[in-house]
Amino acid sequence: MYLTINFSAFRTAFNGLDRGDQFSYNGLRALFDYLEEDSGLGERGYELDVVGLCCDWTEHASAAEAAEENGWSADEDADEEAAEDAALEWLHDHTTVIEFDGGVIIANF
């Protein structure tokens, strides 16, 4: 049986499994929107696996932080904005990136 859930129920599922701090509010909202709309999963159904999502996705405060944790290094001469843009491009080349106000969530690779 499949149930259609809204963001509130999605968030409650994370809290119910003591994973409420895994993502910020804005990050969790962005992940929900991605799963529901951008990924196409909402059209064909999706079995909610909170622990799996926590293993598959990681939130970072910036693209540069996410990229650096995965082996990318910034050009020493680049300013912060240029480094962020370059990191975001690098991430898009290597994984799925969900951008939101306050950071990025990446599919772990």
PDB file of N, CA and C in Angstrom:
ATOM      1  N   MET A   1       0.842  -1.163   0.000  1.00  0.00           N
ATOM      2  CA  MET A   1       0.000   0.000   0.000  1.00  0.00           C
ATOM      3  C   MET A   1       0.896   1.238   0.000  1.00  0.00           C
ATOM      4  N   TYR A   2       0.534   2.189  -0.811  1.00  0.00           N
ATOM      5  CA  TYR A   2       1.264   3.449  -0.870  1.00  0.00           C
ATOM      6  C   TYR A   2       0.388   4.567  -0.332  1.00  0.00           C
ATOM      7  N   LEU A   3       1.009   5.456   0.414  1.00  0.00           N
ATOM      8  CA  LEU A   3       0.337   6.635   0.926  1.00  0.00           C
ATOM      9  C   LEU A   3       1.011   7.862   0.337  1.00  0.00           C
ATOM     10  N   THR A   4       0.220   8.833   0.008  1.00  0.00           N
ATOM     11  CA  THR A   4       0.778  10.106  -0.415  1.00  0.00           C
ATOM     12  C   THR A   4       0.991  10.932   0.848  1.00  0.00           C
ATOM     13  N   ILE A   5       2.204  11.430   1.015  1.00  0.00           N
ATOM     14  CA  ILE A   5       2.488  12.218   2.211  1.00  0.00           C
ATOM     15  C   ILE A   5       2.873  13.638   1.810  1.00  0.00           C
ATOM     16  N   ASN A   6       2.662  14.533   2.732  1.00  0.00           N
ATOM     17  CA  ASN A   6       3.083  15.907   2.519  1.00  0.00           C
ATOM     18  C   ASN A   6       4.402  16.121   3.266  1.00  0.00           C
ATOM     19  N   PHE A   7       4.908  17.338   3.190  1.00  0.00           N
ATOM     20  CA  PHE A   7       6.191  17.630   3.832  1.00  0.00           C
ATOM     21  C   PHE A   7       6.138  17.408   5.338  1.00  0.00           C
ATOM     22  N   SER A   8       5.034  17.751   5.955  1.00  0.00           N
ATOM     23  CA  SER A   8       4.904  17.590   7.404  1.00  0.00           C
ATOM     24  C   SER A   8       5.058  16.120   7.811  1.00  0.00           C
ATOM     25  N   ALA A   9       4.424  15.227   7.086  1.00  0.00           N
ATOM     26  CA  ALA A   9       4.537  13.792   7.383  1.00  0.00           C
ATOM     27  C   ALA A   9       5.952  13.291   7.085  1.00  0.00           C
ATOM     28  N   PHE A  10       6.566  13.828   6.049  1.00  0.00           N
ATOM     29  CA  PHE A  10       7.947  13.475   5.695  1.00  0.00           C
ATOM     30  C   PHE A  10       8.877  13.852   6.850  1.00  0.00           C
ATOM     31  N   ARG A  11       8.711  15.056   7.342  1.00  0.00           N
ATOM     32  CA  ARG A  11       9.533  15.545   8.457  1.00  0.00           C
ATOM     33  C   ARG A  11       9.274  14.739   9.733  1.00  0.00           C
ATOM     34  N   THR A  12       8.025  14.402   9.978  1.00  0.00           N
ATOM     35  CA  THR A  12       7.661  13.594  11.141  1.00  0.00           C
ATOM     36  C   THR A  12       8.324  12.225  11.077  1.00  0.00           C
ATOM     37  N   ALA A  13       8.431  11.662   9.877  1.00  0.00           N
ATOM     38  CA  ALA A  13       9.094  10.358   9.714  1.00  0.00           C
ATOM     39  C   ALA A  13      10.562  10.441  10.129  1.00  0.00           C
ATOM     40  N   PHE A  14      11.236  11.519   9.775  1.00  0.00           N
ATOM     41  CA  PHE A  14      12.631  11.712  10.180  1.00  0.00           C
ATOM     42  C   PHE A  14      12.735  11.862  11.693  1.00  0.00           C
ATOM     43  N   ASN A  15      11.862  12.672  12.271  1.00  0.00           N
ATOM     44  CA  ASN A  15      11.882  12.869  13.718  1.00  0.00           C
ATOM     45  C   ASN A  15      11.563  11.577  14.455  1.00  0.00           C
ATOM     46  N   GLY A  16      10.657  10.779  13.915  1.00  0.00           N
ATOM     47  CA  GLY A  16      10.263   9.534  14.543  1.00  0.00           C
ATOM     48  C   GLY A  16      11.375   8.502  14.604  1.00  0.00           C
ATOM     49  N   LEU A  17      12.344   8.632  13.726  1.00  0.00           N
ATOM     50  CA  LEU A  17      13.488   7.720  13.715  1.00  0.00           C
ATOM     51  C   LEU A  17      14.750   8.389  14.256  1.00  0.00           C
ATOM     52  N   ASP A  18      14.578   9.437  15.033  1.00  0.00           N
ATOM     53  CA  ASP A  18      15.694  10.190  15.618  1.00  0.00           C
ATOM     54  C   ASP A  18      16.675  10.688  14.565  1.00  0.00           C
ATOM     55  N   ARG A  19      16.149  11.070  13.410  1.00  0.00           N
ATOM     56  CA  ARG A  19      16.963  11.621  12.326  1.00  0.00           C
ATOM     57  C   ARG A  19      16.561  13.063  12.023  1.00  0.00           C
ATOM     58  N   GLY A  20      15.879  13.695  12.966  1.00  0.00           N
ATOM     59  CA  GLY A  20      15.401  15.057  12.759  1.00  0.00           C
ATOM     60  C   GLY A  20      16.497  16.085  12.591  1.00  0.00           C
ATOM     61  N   ASP A  21      17.707  15.779  13.059  1.00  0.00           N
ATOM     62  CA  ASP A  21      18.829  16.711  12.936  1.00  0.00           C
ATOM     63  C   ASP A  21      19.733  16.387  11.750  1.00  0.00           C
ATOM     64  N   GLN A  22      19.368  15.400  10.967  1.00  0.00           N
ATOM     65  CA  GLN A  22      20.201  14.985   9.833  1.00  0.00           C
ATOM     66  C   GLN A  22      20.298  16.093   8.779  1.00  0.00           C
ATOM     67  N   PHE A  23      19.183  16.819   8.582  1.00  0.00           N
ATOM     68  CA  PHE A  23      19.123  17.894   7.603  1.00  0.00           C
ATOM     69  C   PHE A  23      18.494  19.113   8.269  1.00  0.00           C
ATOM     70  N   SER A  24      18.898  20.297   7.818  1.00  0.00           N
ATOM     71  CA  SER A  24      18.238  21.509   8.288  1.00  0.00           C
ATOM     72  C   SER A  24      16.807  21.512   7.759  1.00  0.00           C
ATOM     73  N   TYR A  25      15.981  22.396   8.287  1.00  0.00           N
ATOM     74  CA  TYR A  25      14.599  22.500   7.806  1.00  0.00           C
ATOM     75  C   TYR A  25      14.587  22.775   6.298  1.00  0.00           C
ATOM     76  N   ASN A  26      15.375  23.774   5.859  1.00  0.00           N
ATOM     77  CA  ASN A  26      15.410  24.115   4.432  1.00  0.00           C
ATOM     78  C   ASN A  26      15.989  22.983   3.590  1.00  0.00           C
ATOM     79  N   GLY A  27      16.983  22.297   4.135  1.00  0.00           N
ATOM     80  CA  GLY A  27      17.569  21.169   3.416  1.00  0.00           C
ATOM     81  C   GLY A  27      16.588  20.025   3.270  1.00  0.00           C
ATOM     82  N   LEU A  28      15.870  19.716   4.332  1.00  0.00           N
ATOM     83  CA  LEU A  28      14.886  18.639   4.280  1.00  0.00           C
ATOM     84  C   LEU A  28      13.766  18.996   3.312  1.00  0.00           C
ATOM     85  N   ARG A  29      13.372  20.243   3.309  1.00  0.00           N
ATOM     86  CA  ARG A  29      12.333  20.687   2.369  1.00  0.00           C
ATOM     87  C   ARG A  29      12.816  20.531   0.927  1.00  0.00           C
ATOM     88  N   ALA A  30      14.068  20.897   0.679  1.00  0.00           N
ATOM     89  CA  ALA A  30      14.630  20.772  -0.662  1.00  0.00           C
ATOM     90  C   ALA A  30      14.712  19.307  -1.079  1.00  0.00           C
ATOM     91  N   LEU A  31      15.093  18.430  -0.163  1.00  0.00           N
ATOM     92  CA  LEU A  31      15.151  17.003  -0.462  1.00  0.00           C
ATOM     93  C   LEU A  31      13.755  16.467  -0.765  1.00  0.00           C
ATOM     94  N   PHE A  32      12.770  16.843   0.036  1.00  0.00           N
ATOM     95  CA  PHE A  32      11.386  16.431  -0.197  1.00  0.00           C
ATOM     96  C   PHE A  32      10.925  16.885  -1.581  1.00  0.00           C
ATOM     97  N   ASP A  33      11.150  18.156  -1.898  1.00  0.00           N
ATOM     98  CA  ASP A  33      10.741  18.689  -3.203  1.00  0.00           C
ATOM     99  C   ASP A  33      11.442  17.954  -4.334  1.00  0.00           C
ATOM    100  N   TYR A  34      12.722  17.660  -4.163  1.00  0.00           N
ATOM    101  CA  TYR A  34      13.458  16.920  -5.183  1.00  0.00           C
ATOM    102  C   TYR A  34      12.847  15.541  -5.396  1.00  0.00           C
ATOM    103  N   LEU A  35      12.602  14.817  -4.316  1.00  0.00           N
ATOM    104  CA  LEU A  35      12.046  13.473  -4.429  1.00  0.00           C
ATOM    105  C   LEU A  35      10.653  13.490  -5.038  1.00  0.00           C
ATOM    106  N   GLU A  36       9.897  14.496  -4.691  1.00  0.00           N
ATOM    107  CA  GLU A  36       8.516  14.577  -5.164  1.00  0.00           C
ATOM    108  C   GLU A  36       8.411  15.052  -6.607  1.00  0.00           C
ATOM    109  N   GLU A  37       9.253  16.010  -6.999  1.00  0.00           N
ATOM    110  CA  GLU A  37       9.094  16.649  -8.304  1.00  0.00           C
ATOM    111  C   GLU A  37      10.235  16.384  -9.269  1.00  0.00           C
ATOM    112  N   ASP A  38      11.427  16.773  -8.881  1.00  0.00           N
ATOM    113  CA  ASP A  38      12.552  16.778  -9.806  1.00  0.00           C
ATOM    114  C   ASP A  38      13.040  15.388 -10.180  1.00  0.00           C
ATOM    115  N   SER A  39      12.967  14.441  -9.261  1.00  0.00           N
ATOM    116  CA  SER A  39      13.486  13.106  -9.546  1.00  0.00           C
ATOM    117  C   SER A  39      12.518  12.257 -10.345  1.00  0.00           C
ATOM    118  N   GLY A  40      11.249  12.643 -10.371  1.00  0.00           N
ATOM    119  CA  GLY A  40      10.238  11.838 -11.042  1.00  0.00           C
ATOM    120  C   GLY A  40       9.685  10.720 -10.163  1.00  0.00           C
ATOM    121  N   LEU A  41      10.211  10.561  -8.960  1.00  0.00           N
ATOM    122  CA  LEU A  41       9.748   9.492  -8.085  1.00  0.00           C
ATOM    123  C   LEU A  41       8.310   9.703  -7.646  1.00  0.00           C
ATOM    124  N   GLY A  42       7.898  10.941  -7.526  1.00  0.00           N
ATOM    125  CA  GLY A  42       6.533  11.227  -7.100  1.00  0.00           C
ATOM    126  C   GLY A  42       5.498  10.711  -8.078  1.00  0.00           C
ATOM    127  N   GLU A  43       5.872  10.614  -9.341  1.00  0.00           N
ATOM    128  CA  GLU A  43       4.943  10.149 -10.363  1.00  0.00           C
ATOM    129  C   GLU A  43       4.734   8.642 -10.302  1.00  0.00           C
ATOM    130  N   ARG A  44       5.746   7.896  -9.914  1.00  0.00           N
ATOM    131  CA  ARG A  44       5.629   6.442  -9.941  1.00  0.00           C
ATOM    132  C   ARG A  44       5.613   5.818  -8.552  1.00  0.00           C
ATOM    133  N   GLY A  45       5.628   6.637  -7.540  1.00  0.00           N
ATOM    134  CA  GLY A  45       5.610   6.126  -6.180  1.00  0.00           C
ATOM    135  C   GLY A  45       7.014   5.965  -5.633  1.00  0.00           C
ATOM    136  N   TYR A  46       7.109   6.000  -4.337  1.00  0.00           N
ATOM    137  CA  TYR A  46       8.408   5.930  -3.682  1.00  0.00           C
ATOM    138  C   TYR A  46       8.200   5.366  -2.293  1.00  0.00           C
ATOM    139  N   GLU A  47       8.985   4.391  -1.926  1.00  0.00           N
ATOM    140  CA  GLU A  47       8.930   3.846  -0.580  1.00  0.00           C
ATOM    141  C   GLU A  47       9.874   4.653   0.298  1.00  0.00           C
ATOM    142  N   LEU A  48       9.307   5.331   1.283  1.00  0.00           N
ATOM    143  CA  LEU A  48      10.104   6.202   2.137  1.00  0.00           C
ATOM    144  C   LEU A  48      11.020   5.374   3.026  1.00  0.00           C
ATOM    145  N   ASP A  49      12.298   5.597   2.869  1.00  0.00           N
ATOM    146  CA  ASP A  49      13.331   4.938   3.664  1.00  0.00           C
ATOM    147  C   ASP A  49      14.195   6.035   4.269  1.00  0.00           C
ATOM    148  N   VAL A  50      13.827   6.472   5.459  1.00  0.00           N
ATOM    149  CA  VAL A  50      14.510   7.591   6.111  1.00  0.00           C
ATOM    150  C   VAL A  50      15.991   7.292   6.305  1.00  0.00           C
ATOM    151  N   VAL A  51      16.317   6.124   6.815  1.00  0.00           N
ATOM    152  CA  VAL A  51      17.717   5.769   7.053  1.00  0.00           C
ATOM    153  C   VAL A  51      18.473   5.724   5.731  1.00  0.00           C
ATOM    154  N   GLY A  52      17.858   5.179   4.703  1.00  0.00           N
ATOM    155  CA  GLY A  52      18.491   5.143   3.387  1.00  0.00           C
ATOM    156  C   GLY A  52      18.769   6.530   2.850  1.00  0.00           C
ATOM    157  N   LEU A  53      17.812   7.442   3.020  1.00  0.00           N
ATOM    158  CA  LEU A  53      18.026   8.818   2.569  1.00  0.00           C
ATOM    159  C   LEU A  53      19.173   9.465   3.330  1.00  0.00           C
ATOM    160  N   CYS A  54      19.259   9.175   4.617  1.00  0.00           N
ATOM    161  CA  CYS A  54      20.347   9.741   5.425  1.00  0.00           C
ATOM    162  C   CYS A  54      21.704   9.186   4.998  1.00  0.00           C
ATOM    163  N   CYS A  55      21.713   7.968   4.487  1.00  0.00           N
ATOM    164  CA  CYS A  55      22.962   7.369   4.002  1.00  0.00           C
ATOM    165  C   CYS A  55      23.309   7.845   2.594  1.00  0.00           C
ATOM    166  N   ASP A  56      22.290   8.118   1.797  1.00  0.00           N
ATOM    167  CA  ASP A  56      22.494   8.460   0.388  1.00  0.00           C
ATOM    168  C   ASP A  56      22.740   9.936   0.124  1.00  0.00           C
ATOM    169  N   TRP A  57      22.335  10.801   1.041  1.00  0.00           N
ATOM    170  CA  TRP A  57      22.411  12.243   0.832  1.00  0.00           C
ATOM    171  C   TRP A  57      23.100  12.918   2.012  1.00  0.00           C
ATOM    172  N   THR A  58      23.883  13.952   1.736  1.00  0.00           N
ATOM    173  CA  THR A  58      24.554  14.714   2.785  1.00  0.00           C
ATOM    174  C   THR A  58      24.370  16.201   2.521  1.00  0.00           C
ATOM    175  N   GLU A  59      24.037  16.925   3.569  1.00  0.00           N
ATOM    176  CA  GLU A  59      23.877  18.374   3.473  1.00  0.00           C
ATOM    177  C   GLU A  59      25.183  19.065   3.829  1.00  0.00           C
ATOM    178  N   HIS A  60      25.483  20.111   3.079  1.00  0.00           N
ATOM    179  CA  HIS A  60      26.673  20.927   3.326  1.00  0.00           C
ATOM    180  C   HIS A  60      26.283  22.396   3.290  1.00  0.00           C
ATOM    181  N   ALA A  61      27.010  23.204   4.015  1.00  0.00           N
ATOM    182  CA  ALA A  61      26.737  24.640   4.072  1.00  0.00           C
ATOM    183  C   ALA A  61      27.069  25.341   2.759  1.00  0.00           C
ATOM    184  N   SER A  62      27.954  24.742   1.958  1.00  0.00           N
ATOM    185  CA  SER A  62      28.324  25.349   0.679  1.00  0.00           C
ATOM    186  C   SER A  62      28.766  24.262  -0.289  1.00  0.00           C
ATOM    187  N   ALA A  63      28.765  24.606  -1.558  1.00  0.00           N
ATOM    188  CA  ALA A  63      29.249  23.679  -2.574  1.00  0.00           C
ATOM    189  C   ALA A  63      30.747  23.451  -2.406  1.00  0.00           C
ATOM    190  N   ALA A  64      31.482  24.502  -2.047  1.00  0.00           N
ATOM    191  CA  ALA A  64      32.928  24.361  -1.852  1.00  0.00           C
ATOM    192  C   ALA A  64      33.232  23.363  -0.743  1.00  0.00           C
ATOM    193  N   GLU A  65      32.491  23.448   0.355  1.00  0.00           N
ATOM    194  CA  GLU A  65      32.682  22.498   1.455  1.00  0.00           C
ATOM    195  C   GLU A  65      32.408  21.068   0.992  1.00  0.00           C
ATOM    196  N   ALA A  66      31.301  20.885   0.272  1.00  0.00           N
ATOM    197  CA  ALA A  66      30.937  19.545  -0.214  1.00  0.00           C
ATOM    198  C   ALA A  66      31.992  19.007  -1.171  1.00  0.00           C
ATOM    199  N   ALA A  67      32.440  19.844  -2.094  1.00  0.00           N
ATOM    200  CA  ALA A  67      33.419  19.408  -3.086  1.00  0.00           C
ATOM    201  C   ALA A  67      34.764  19.091  -2.438  1.00  0.00           C
ATOM    202  N   GLU A  68      35.193  19.928  -1.512  1.00  0.00           N
ATOM    203  CA  GLU A  68      36.472  19.696  -0.833  1.00  0.00           C
ATOM    204  C   GLU A  68      36.453  18.388  -0.052  1.00  0.00           C
ATOM    205  N   GLU A  69      35.327  18.054   0.554  1.00  0.00           N
ATOM    206  CA  GLU A  69      35.228  16.793   1.292  1.00  0.00           C
ATOM    207  C   GLU A  69      35.252  15.579   0.367  1.00  0.00           C
ATOM    208  N   ASN A  70      35.111  15.829  -0.925  1.00  0.00           N
ATOM    209  CA  ASN A  70      35.105  14.736  -1.894  1.00  0.00           C
ATOM    210  C   ASN A  70      36.265  14.805  -2.878  1.00  0.00           C
ATOM    211  N   GLY A  71      37.315  15.533  -2.513  1.00  0.00           N
ATOM    212  CA  GLY A  71      38.538  15.493  -3.301  1.00  0.00           C
ATOM    213  C   GLY A  71      38.831  16.676  -4.196  1.00  0.00           C
ATOM    214  N   TRP A  72      37.944  17.636  -4.290  1.00  0.00           N
ATOM    215  CA  TRP A  72      38.165  18.817  -5.116  1.00  0.00           C
ATOM    216  C   TRP A  72      38.963  19.842  -4.328  1.00  0.00           C
ATOM    217  N   SER A  73      39.772  20.628  -5.029  1.00  0.00           N
ATOM    218  CA  SER A  73      40.469  21.724  -4.349  1.00  0.00           C
ATOM    219  C   SER A  73      40.302  22.997  -5.167  1.00  0.00           C
ATOM    220  N   ALA A  74      40.122  24.084  -4.469  1.00  0.00           N
ATOM    221  CA  ALA A  74      39.893  25.381  -5.097  1.00  0.00           C
ATOM    222  C   ALA A  74      41.179  25.933  -5.679  1.00  0.00           C
ATOM    223  N   ASP A  75      41.026  26.698  -6.733  1.00  0.00           N
ATOM    224  CA  ASP A  75      42.146  27.445  -7.296  1.00  0.00           C
ATOM    225  C   ASP A  75      42.567  28.472  -6.255  1.00  0.00           C
ATOM    226  N   GLU A  76      43.830  28.499  -5.942  1.00  0.00           N
ATOM    227  CA  GLU A  76      44.335  29.400  -4.900  1.00  0.00           C
ATOM    228  C   GLU A  76      44.075  30.870  -5.204  1.00  0.00           C
ATOM    229  N   ASP A  77      43.972  31.210  -6.484  1.00  0.00           N
ATOM    230  CA  ASP A  77      43.772  32.597  -6.874  1.00  0.00           C
ATOM    231  C   ASP A  77      42.297  32.992  -6.978  1.00  0.00           C
ATOM    232  N   ALA A  78      41.405  32.047  -6.826  1.00  0.00           N
ATOM    233  CA  ALA A  78      39.980  32.323  -6.993  1.00  0.00           C
ATOM    234  C   ALA A  78      39.412  32.990  -5.746  1.00  0.00           C
ATOM    235  N   ASP A  79      38.527  33.949  -5.972  1.00  0.00           N
ATOM    236  CA  ASP A  79      37.827  34.534  -4.818  1.00  0.00           C
ATOM    237  C   ASP A  79      36.743  33.554  -4.373  1.00  0.00           C
ATOM    238  N   GLU A  80      36.096  33.882  -3.279  1.00  0.00           N
ATOM    239  CA  GLU A  80      35.126  32.957  -2.674  1.00  0.00           C
ATOM    240  C   GLU A  80      33.976  32.628  -3.627  1.00  0.00           C
ATOM    241  N   GLU A  81      33.463  33.620  -4.324  1.00  0.00           N
ATOM    242  CA  GLU A  81      32.346  33.391  -5.247  1.00  0.00           C
ATOM    243  C   GLU A  81      32.766  32.521  -6.425  1.00  0.00           C
ATOM    244  N   ALA A  82      33.934  32.781  -6.972  1.00  0.00           N
ATOM    245  CA  ALA A  82      34.429  31.974  -8.089  1.00  0.00           C
ATOM    246  C   ALA A  82      34.694  30.540  -7.648  1.00  0.00           C
ATOM    247  N   ALA A  83      35.224  30.376  -6.451  1.00  0.00           N
ATOM    248  CA  ALA A  83      35.481  29.040  -5.922  1.00  0.00           C
ATOM    249  C   ALA A  83      34.167  28.293  -5.716  1.00  0.00           C
ATOM    250  N   GLU A  84      33.165  28.976  -5.219  1.00  0.00           N
ATOM    251  CA  GLU A  84      31.845  28.346  -5.007  1.00  0.00           C
ATOM    252  C   GLU A  84      31.247  27.911  -6.345  1.00  0.00           C
ATOM    253  N   ASP A  85      31.346  28.762  -7.351  1.00  0.00           N
ATOM    254  CA  ASP A  85      30.830  28.418  -8.680  1.00  0.00           C
ATOM    255  C   ASP A  85      31.576  27.232  -9.275  1.00  0.00           C
ATOM    256  N   ALA A  86      32.895  27.229  -9.135  1.00  0.00           N
ATOM    257  CA  ALA A  86      33.696  26.118  -9.658  1.00  0.00           C
ATOM    258  C   ALA A  86      33.385  24.821  -8.921  1.00  0.00           C
ATOM    259  N   ALA A  87      33.202  24.909  -7.615  1.00  0.00           N
ATOM    260  CA  ALA A  87      32.862  23.726  -6.819  1.00  0.00           C
ATOM    261  C   ALA A  87      31.501  23.183  -7.217  1.00  0.00           C
ATOM    262  N   LEU A  88      30.549  24.054  -7.430  1.00  0.00           N
ATOM    263  CA  LEU A  88      29.211  23.633  -7.829  1.00  0.00           C
ATOM    264  C   LEU A  88      29.246  22.943  -9.186  1.00  0.00           C
ATOM    265  N   GLU A  89      30.011  23.498 -10.111  1.00  0.00           N
ATOM    266  CA  GLU A  89      30.154  22.869 -11.434  1.00  0.00           C
ATOM    267  C   GLU A  89      30.797  21.486 -11.300  1.00  0.00           C
ATOM    268  N   TRP A  90      31.823  21.382 -10.480  1.00  0.00           N
ATOM    269  CA  TRP A  90      32.497  20.102 -10.255  1.00  0.00           C
ATOM    270  C   TRP A  90      31.530  19.081  -9.660  1.00  0.00           C
ATOM    271  N   LEU A  91      30.753  19.514  -8.688  1.00  0.00           N
ATOM    272  CA  LEU A  91      29.773  18.603  -8.074  1.00  0.00           C
ATOM    273  C   LEU A  91      28.752  18.115  -9.089  1.00  0.00           C
ATOM    274  N   HIS A  92      28.254  19.032  -9.906  1.00  0.00           N
ATOM    275  CA  HIS A  92      27.277  18.644 -10.933  1.00  0.00           C
ATOM    276  C   HIS A  92      27.867  17.622 -11.909  1.00  0.00           C
ATOM    277  N   ASP A  93      29.157  17.693 -12.136  1.00  0.00           N
ATOM    278  CA  ASP A  93      29.825  16.726 -13.019  1.00  0.00           C
ATOM    279  C   ASP A  93      29.987  15.359 -12.365  1.00  0.00           C
ATOM    280  N   HIS A  94      29.897  15.291 -11.024  1.00  0.00           N
ATOM    281  CA  HIS A  94      30.194  14.043 -10.316  1.00  0.00           C
ATOM    282  C   HIS A  94      29.023  13.414  -9.578  1.00  0.00           C
ATOM    283  N   THR A  95      27.980  14.173  -9.321  1.00  0.00           N
ATOM    284  CA  THR A  95      26.877  13.630  -8.523  1.00  0.00           C
ATOM    285  C   THR A  95      25.627  14.470  -8.726  1.00  0.00           C
ATOM    286  N   THR A  96      24.571  14.082  -8.064  1.00  0.00           N
ATOM    287  CA  THR A  96      23.337  14.860  -8.071  1.00  0.00           C
ATOM    288  C   THR A  96      23.435  15.914  -6.975  1.00  0.00           C
ATOM    289  N   VAL A  97      23.067  17.132  -7.312  1.00  0.00           N
ATOM    290  CA  VAL A  97      23.164  18.254  -6.382  1.00  0.00           C
ATOM    291  C   VAL A  97      21.791  18.898  -6.243  1.00  0.00           C
ATOM    292  N   ILE A  98      21.385  19.102  -5.010  1.00  0.00           N
ATOM    293  CA  ILE A  98      20.153  19.827  -4.714  1.00  0.00           C
ATOM    294  C   ILE A  98      20.577  21.136  -4.062  1.00  0.00           C
ATOM    295  N   GLU A  99      20.356  22.225  -4.750  1.00  0.00           N
ATOM    296  CA  GLU A  99      20.711  23.542  -4.218  1.00  0.00           C
ATOM    297  C   GLU A  99      19.509  24.130  -3.489  1.00  0.00           C
ATOM    298  N   PHE A 100      19.765  24.797  -2.386  1.00  0.00           N
ATOM    299  CA  PHE A 100      18.707  25.463  -1.648  1.00  0.00           C
ATOM    300  C   PHE A 100      19.303  26.640  -0.895  1.00  0.00           C
ATOM    301  N   ASP A 101      18.437  27.504  -0.407  1.00  0.00           N
ATOM    302  CA  ASP A 101      18.882  28.661   0.355  1.00  0.00           C
ATOM    303  C   ASP A 101      19.493  28.183   1.659  1.00  0.00           C
ATOM    304  N   GLY A 102      20.798  28.265   1.762  1.00  0.00           N
ATOM    305  CA  GLY A 102      21.489  27.832   2.964  1.00  0.00           C
ATOM    306  C   GLY A 102      22.491  26.723   2.733  1.00  0.00           C
ATOM    307  N   GLY A 103      22.606  26.239   1.489  1.00  0.00           N
ATOM    308  CA  GLY A 103      23.588  25.203   1.228  1.00  0.00           C
ATOM    309  C   GLY A 103      23.235  24.311   0.062  1.00  0.00           C
ATOM    310  N   VAL A 104      23.803  23.120   0.093  1.00  0.00           N
ATOM    311  CA  VAL A 104      23.544  22.115  -0.934  1.00  0.00           C
ATOM    312  C   VAL A 104      23.391  20.758  -0.257  1.00  0.00           C
ATOM    313  N   ILE A 105      22.667  19.895  -0.913  1.00  0.00           N
ATOM    314  CA  ILE A 105      22.615  18.484  -0.526  1.00  0.00           C
ATOM    315  C   ILE A 105      23.137  17.717  -1.726  1.00  0.00           C
ATOM    316  N   ILE A 106      24.041  16.787  -1.476  1.00  0.00           N
ATOM    317  CA  ILE A 106      24.585  16.001  -2.570  1.00  0.00           C
ATOM    318  C   ILE A 106      24.303  14.524  -2.349  1.00  0.00           C
ATOM    319  N   ALA A 107      24.155  13.822  -3.466  1.00  0.00           N
ATOM    320  CA  ALA A 107      24.087  12.361  -3.390  1.00  0.00           C
ATOM    321  C   ALA A 107      25.488  11.877  -3.121  1.00  0.00           C
ATOM    322  N   ASN A 108      25.628  11.068  -2.113  1.00  0.00           N
ATOM    323  CA  ASN A 108      26.958  10.575  -1.746  1.00  0.00           C
ATOM    324  C   ASN A 108      27.548   9.720  -2.853  1.00  0.00           C
ATOM    325  N   PHE A 109      28.847   9.870  -3.042  1.00  0.00           N
ATOM    326  CA  PHE A 109      29.537   9.079  -4.079  1.00  0.00           C
ATOM    327  C   PHE A 109      30.863   8.602  -3.586  1.00  0.00           C
TER     328      PHE A 109
END
